[in-house]
N, C-alpha and C. Protein backbone atom coordinates (compact mmCIF):
# COMPACT_ATOMS: atom_id res chain seq x y z
N MET A 1 0.93 -1.13 0.16
CA MET A 1 -0.12 0.12 0.13
C MET A 1 1.02 1.30 -0.07
N ASN A 2 0.43 2.67 -0.72
CA ASN A 2 1.45 3.53 -0.96
C ASN A 2 0.49 4.62 -0.29
N LYS A 3 0.86 5.71 -0.38
CA LYS A 3 0.38 6.84 0.31
C LYS A 3 -1.15 7.53 -0.48
N THR A 4 -1.08 7.11 -1.67
CA THR A 4 -2.21 7.41 -2.48
C THR A 4 -3.63 6.32 -1.89
N GLU A 5 -3.21 5.23 -1.77
CA GLU A 5 -3.76 3.89 -1.49
C GLU A 5 -4.39 3.91 -0.21
N LEU A 6 -3.47 4.90 0.89
CA LEU A 6 -3.70 4.76 2.41
C LEU A 6 -4.89 6.10 2.55
N ALA A 7 -4.67 6.91 1.11
CA ALA A 7 -5.46 8.35 1.16
C ALA A 7 -7.27 7.89 1.09
N ALA A 8 -6.95 6.80 -0.03
CA ALA A 8 -8.36 6.66 -0.61
C ALA A 8 -8.94 5.18 0.45
N LEU A 9 -8.07 5.10 1.20
CA LEU A 9 -9.04 4.13 2.32
C LEU A 9 -9.51 4.97 3.04
N VAL A 10 -8.82 6.00 3.64
CA VAL A 10 -8.97 6.95 4.86
C VAL A 10 -10.35 7.49 4.08
N GLN A 11 -10.55 7.84 3.06
CA GLN A 11 -11.58 8.70 2.50
C GLN A 11 -13.01 7.57 2.49
N LYS A 12 -12.86 6.49 2.37
CA LYS A 12 -13.75 5.41 2.25
C LYS A 12 -14.08 5.38 3.66
N GLU A 13 -13.25 4.92 4.61
CA GLU A 13 -13.73 4.69 5.78
C GLU A 13 -14.21 5.56 6.87
N GLY A 14 -13.60 6.94 6.20
CA GLY A 14 -13.44 7.75 7.11
C GLY A 14 -14.68 9.14 6.74
N ASN A 15 -15.43 8.11 5.69
CA ASN A 15 -16.57 9.21 5.13
C ASN A 15 -16.20 10.98 4.51
N VAL A 16 -15.13 11.02 4.27
CA VAL A 16 -14.35 12.18 3.67
C VAL A 16 -14.46 12.52 2.41
N THR A 17 -13.90 13.54 1.93
CA THR A 17 -13.44 14.11 0.45
C THR A 17 -12.48 13.76 0.09
N LYS A 18 -11.89 13.35 -0.85
CA LYS A 18 -10.59 13.11 -1.62
C LYS A 18 -9.57 13.95 -0.85
N ALA A 19 -9.52 15.21 -1.06
CA ALA A 19 -8.89 16.27 -0.45
C ALA A 19 -8.72 16.44 1.06
N GLN A 20 -9.52 15.91 1.87
CA GLN A 20 -9.49 16.02 3.25
C GLN A 20 -8.91 14.52 3.21
N ALA A 21 -9.18 13.59 2.99
CA ALA A 21 -8.17 12.74 2.98
C ALA A 21 -7.06 12.48 3.06
N GLN A 22 -6.62 13.13 2.01
CA GLN A 22 -5.05 13.53 1.62
C GLN A 22 -4.33 14.54 2.69
N LYS A 23 -5.10 15.56 3.38
CA LYS A 23 -4.63 16.10 4.27
C LYS A 23 -4.32 15.57 5.50
N ILE A 24 -5.26 14.64 5.81
CA ILE A 24 -5.24 13.52 7.25
C ILE A 24 -3.97 12.67 6.83
N VAL A 25 -3.75 12.40 5.98
CA VAL A 25 -2.64 11.41 5.84
C VAL A 25 -1.36 12.07 5.67
N ASP A 26 -1.23 13.40 5.11
CA ASP A 26 0.08 14.39 5.03
C ASP A 26 0.00 14.99 6.39
N ALA A 27 -1.23 15.17 7.04
CA ALA A 27 -0.77 15.65 8.43
C ALA A 27 0.24 14.84 9.08
N ILE A 28 0.01 13.24 9.18
CA ILE A 28 0.54 12.07 9.69
C ILE A 28 1.95 11.72 9.01
N PHE A 29 2.20 11.51 8.29
CA PHE A 29 2.94 10.85 7.52
C PHE A 29 3.95 12.04 6.46
N ASN A 30 3.83 12.90 6.25
CA ASN A 30 4.53 13.98 5.39
C ASN A 30 5.57 14.16 6.06
N PRO A 31 6.79 13.94 5.54
CA PRO A 31 8.58 13.62 5.94
C PRO A 31 9.24 14.89 6.24
N ALA A 32 8.40 16.34 6.15
CA ALA A 32 9.29 17.48 6.21
C ALA A 32 8.23 18.03 7.50
N ALA A 33 6.56 17.94 7.53
CA ALA A 33 6.16 18.81 8.59
C ALA A 33 5.12 17.60 9.35
N GLY A 34 5.06 16.19 8.77
CA GLY A 34 4.01 15.32 9.28
C GLY A 34 3.86 15.19 11.05
N ALA A 35 3.05 14.78 12.07
CA ALA A 35 3.39 14.98 13.38
C ALA A 35 4.42 13.42 13.50
N ILE A 36 4.23 12.46 12.67
CA ILE A 36 5.86 11.49 13.00
C ILE A 36 7.12 12.57 12.82
N ALA A 37 7.47 13.07 12.07
CA ALA A 37 8.28 13.82 11.72
C ALA A 37 8.83 14.86 12.71
N GLN A 38 7.66 15.60 13.11
CA GLN A 38 7.95 16.72 13.82
C GLN A 38 8.50 15.95 15.14
N ALA A 39 7.89 14.92 15.98
CA ALA A 39 7.73 14.40 16.99
C ALA A 39 9.45 13.61 16.87
N LEU A 40 9.98 13.18 16.08
CA LEU A 40 11.57 12.74 15.53
C LEU A 40 12.38 13.60 15.97
N LYS A 41 12.21 14.67 15.08
CA LYS A 41 12.94 15.85 15.29
C LYS A 41 13.25 16.54 16.42
N SER A 42 12.15 16.61 17.11
CA SER A 42 12.45 17.32 18.39
C SER A 42 12.86 15.95 19.39
N GLY A 43 12.79 14.86 19.21
CA GLY A 43 13.69 14.27 19.97
C GLY A 43 12.51 13.60 20.63
N ASP A 44 11.24 13.05 20.79
CA ASP A 44 10.36 12.66 21.16
C ASP A 44 10.06 11.32 20.36
N THR A 45 9.59 10.55 21.08
CA THR A 45 8.94 9.55 20.33
C THR A 45 7.41 9.64 19.62
N PHE A 46 6.74 8.85 19.17
CA PHE A 46 5.95 8.95 18.56
C PHE A 46 4.90 7.26 18.61
N ALA A 47 3.93 7.09 19.82
CA ALA A 47 3.77 5.91 19.93
C ALA A 47 2.03 5.82 19.38
N ILE A 48 1.41 4.78 19.19
CA ILE A 48 0.15 4.47 19.00
C ILE A 48 0.17 3.24 19.73
N ALA A 49 -0.83 3.65 20.44
CA ALA A 49 -0.96 2.08 21.68
C ALA A 49 -1.49 1.00 20.73
N GLY A 50 -0.94 -0.10 20.72
CA GLY A 50 -1.60 -1.22 20.07
C GLY A 50 -0.94 -1.23 18.82
N PHE A 51 -0.62 -0.75 18.45
CA PHE A 51 0.38 -0.48 16.76
C PHE A 51 1.76 -0.59 16.70
N GLY A 52 2.18 0.71 17.45
CA GLY A 52 3.81 0.74 17.72
C GLY A 52 4.19 2.33 17.78
N THR A 53 5.72 2.12 17.98
CA THR A 53 6.45 3.15 18.40
C THR A 53 7.52 3.58 17.42
N PHE A 54 7.40 5.12 17.02
CA PHE A 54 8.70 5.24 15.85
C PHE A 54 9.46 6.02 17.07
N LYS A 55 10.98 5.80 16.82
CA LYS A 55 11.50 6.67 17.82
C LYS A 55 12.93 6.69 16.96
N THR A 56 13.83 7.95 17.09
CA THR A 56 14.84 7.95 16.75
C THR A 56 16.20 6.94 17.31
N ARG A 57 17.40 6.40 16.57
CA ARG A 57 18.11 5.59 16.89
C ARG A 57 19.24 6.48 16.41
N SER A 58 20.60 6.54 17.11
CA SER A 58 21.89 6.80 16.85
C SER A 58 22.60 5.83 16.31
N ARG A 59 23.24 6.30 15.39
CA ARG A 59 24.42 5.09 14.84
C ARG A 59 25.54 5.93 14.98
N ALA A 60 26.38 4.97 15.57
CA ALA A 60 27.78 5.43 15.51
C ALA A 60 28.78 5.70 14.60
N ALA A 61 29.70 6.48 14.13
CA ALA A 61 30.68 6.38 13.18
C ALA A 61 31.46 4.93 13.03
N ARG A 62 31.59 4.60 11.82
CA ARG A 62 32.41 3.44 11.90
C ARG A 62 33.04 3.49 10.44
N LYS A 63 34.08 2.21 10.47
CA LYS A 63 34.81 2.26 9.13
C LYS A 63 33.79 1.46 8.34
N GLY A 64 34.01 1.81 6.54
CA GLY A 64 33.46 0.96 5.85
C GLY A 64 34.45 1.09 4.70
N ARG A 65 34.12 -0.11 3.43
CA ARG A 65 35.02 -0.04 2.31
C ARG A 65 34.17 0.36 1.14
N ASN A 66 34.63 1.24 0.06
CA ASN A 66 34.19 1.20 -0.87
C ASN A 66 34.01 0.41 -1.85
N PRO A 67 32.95 -0.35 -2.39
CA PRO A 67 33.07 -1.50 -2.95
C PRO A 67 33.82 -1.41 -4.43
N ARG A 68 33.69 -0.07 -5.08
CA ARG A 68 34.71 -0.34 -6.24
C ARG A 68 35.96 -0.45 -6.00
N THR A 69 36.78 0.92 -5.14
CA THR A 69 38.22 0.52 -4.93
C THR A 69 38.46 -0.56 -3.72
N GLY A 70 37.55 -0.57 -2.83
CA GLY A 70 38.74 -1.30 -1.81
C GLY A 70 39.14 -0.51 -0.93
N ALA A 71 39.00 0.55 -0.78
CA ALA A 71 39.69 1.32 0.08
C ALA A 71 38.96 1.96 1.26
N GLU A 72 39.43 2.06 2.66
CA GLU A 72 38.48 2.30 3.57
C GLU A 72 38.11 3.70 3.76
N VAL A 73 36.87 3.68 4.01
CA VAL A 73 36.20 5.20 4.68
C VAL A 73 35.64 5.20 5.48
N THR A 74 35.42 6.28 6.74
CA THR A 74 34.99 6.45 7.17
C THR A 74 33.80 6.94 7.13
N ILE A 75 32.52 6.23 7.74
CA ILE A 75 31.18 6.48 7.64
C ILE A 75 30.78 7.44 8.93
N PRO A 76 30.39 8.54 8.69
CA PRO A 76 30.14 9.26 9.84
C PRO A 76 28.99 9.12 10.73
N ALA A 77 28.70 9.43 12.23
CA ALA A 77 27.60 9.11 12.85
C ALA A 77 26.35 9.96 12.35
N SER A 78 25.15 9.26 12.54
CA SER A 78 23.93 9.53 11.90
C SER A 78 22.86 9.03 12.78
N THR A 79 21.77 9.79 12.66
CA THR A 79 20.34 9.56 13.55
C THR A 79 19.83 9.00 12.52
N ALA A 80 18.77 7.80 12.60
CA ALA A 80 17.76 7.31 12.15
C ALA A 80 16.66 6.96 12.51
N ALA A 81 15.58 7.18 11.79
CA ALA A 81 14.34 6.68 12.47
C ALA A 81 14.12 5.26 12.32
N GLY A 82 13.58 4.58 13.79
CA GLY A 82 13.30 3.24 13.96
C GLY A 82 12.10 2.92 13.86
N PHE A 83 11.07 1.76 13.89
CA PHE A 83 10.02 1.21 14.47
C PHE A 83 9.75 0.01 15.21
N SER A 84 9.27 0.23 16.34
CA SER A 84 8.90 -1.11 17.05
C SER A 84 7.39 -1.56 17.03
N ALA A 85 7.27 -2.52 16.44
CA ALA A 85 6.01 -3.12 16.28
C ALA A 85 5.30 -3.23 17.56
N GLY A 86 4.06 -3.04 17.91
CA GLY A 86 3.36 -2.77 19.30
C GLY A 86 2.80 -4.15 19.62
N LYS A 87 2.18 -4.86 20.49
CA LYS A 87 1.85 -6.02 20.55
C LYS A 87 0.42 -6.36 19.60
N GLY A 88 -0.56 -5.45 19.67
CA GLY A 88 -1.48 -5.58 18.95
C GLY A 88 -1.53 -5.91 17.62
N LEU A 89 -0.49 -5.31 17.05
CA LEU A 89 0.17 -5.25 15.53
C LEU A 89 0.62 -6.70 15.57
N LYS A 90 1.50 -7.15 16.78
CA LYS A 90 2.34 -8.55 16.16
C LYS A 90 1.38 -9.46 16.52
N ASP A 91 0.29 -9.60 17.34
CA ASP A 91 -0.67 -10.67 17.61
C ASP A 91 -1.41 -10.40 16.35
N ALA A 92 -2.13 -9.35 15.54
CA ALA A 92 -2.70 -9.47 14.34
C ALA A 92 -1.54 -10.43 13.11
N LEU A 93 -0.45 -9.71 13.02
CA LEU A 93 0.30 -10.65 12.03
C LEU A 93 0.92 -12.23 12.50
N LYS A 94 0.57 -12.31 13.87
CA LYS A 94 0.68 -14.25 14.19
C LYS A 94 -0.60 -14.39 13.82
N LYS A 95 -1.81 -14.20 13.83
CA LYS A 95 -3.06 -14.73 13.61
C LYS A 95 -3.15 -15.33 11.95
N LYS A 96 -2.94 -13.83 11.00
CA LYS A 96 -2.41 -14.24 9.88
C LYS A 96 -1.89 -15.48 9.46
N GLY A 97 -0.76 -15.56 10.04
CA GLY A 97 -0.20 -16.60 9.82
C GLY A 97 -0.24 -17.84 9.99
N LYS A 98 -1.15 -18.06 10.79
CA LYS A 98 -1.69 -19.53 11.00
C LYS A 98 -2.78 -19.91 10.25
């Protein structure tokens, strides 16, 4: 499912217009100004009970290799977004697999 398909689902389930559904999806998932991105940028976590938690994870600087030349390079430290599935989501996936 992509963002457009999610907006269509919100439109159908929420009984809203297509434009309203797109605004709702953007308000949550927009990478620059959405609720999840804003929480992570400010150092907070974004938790949805039963679904999961978005949080930042720090990656330390490390050594790597250029695959083309084999030369050793330093990969700088960075911060990445991470997601941990909640119990409700894990249970829903377990039931599907049975």
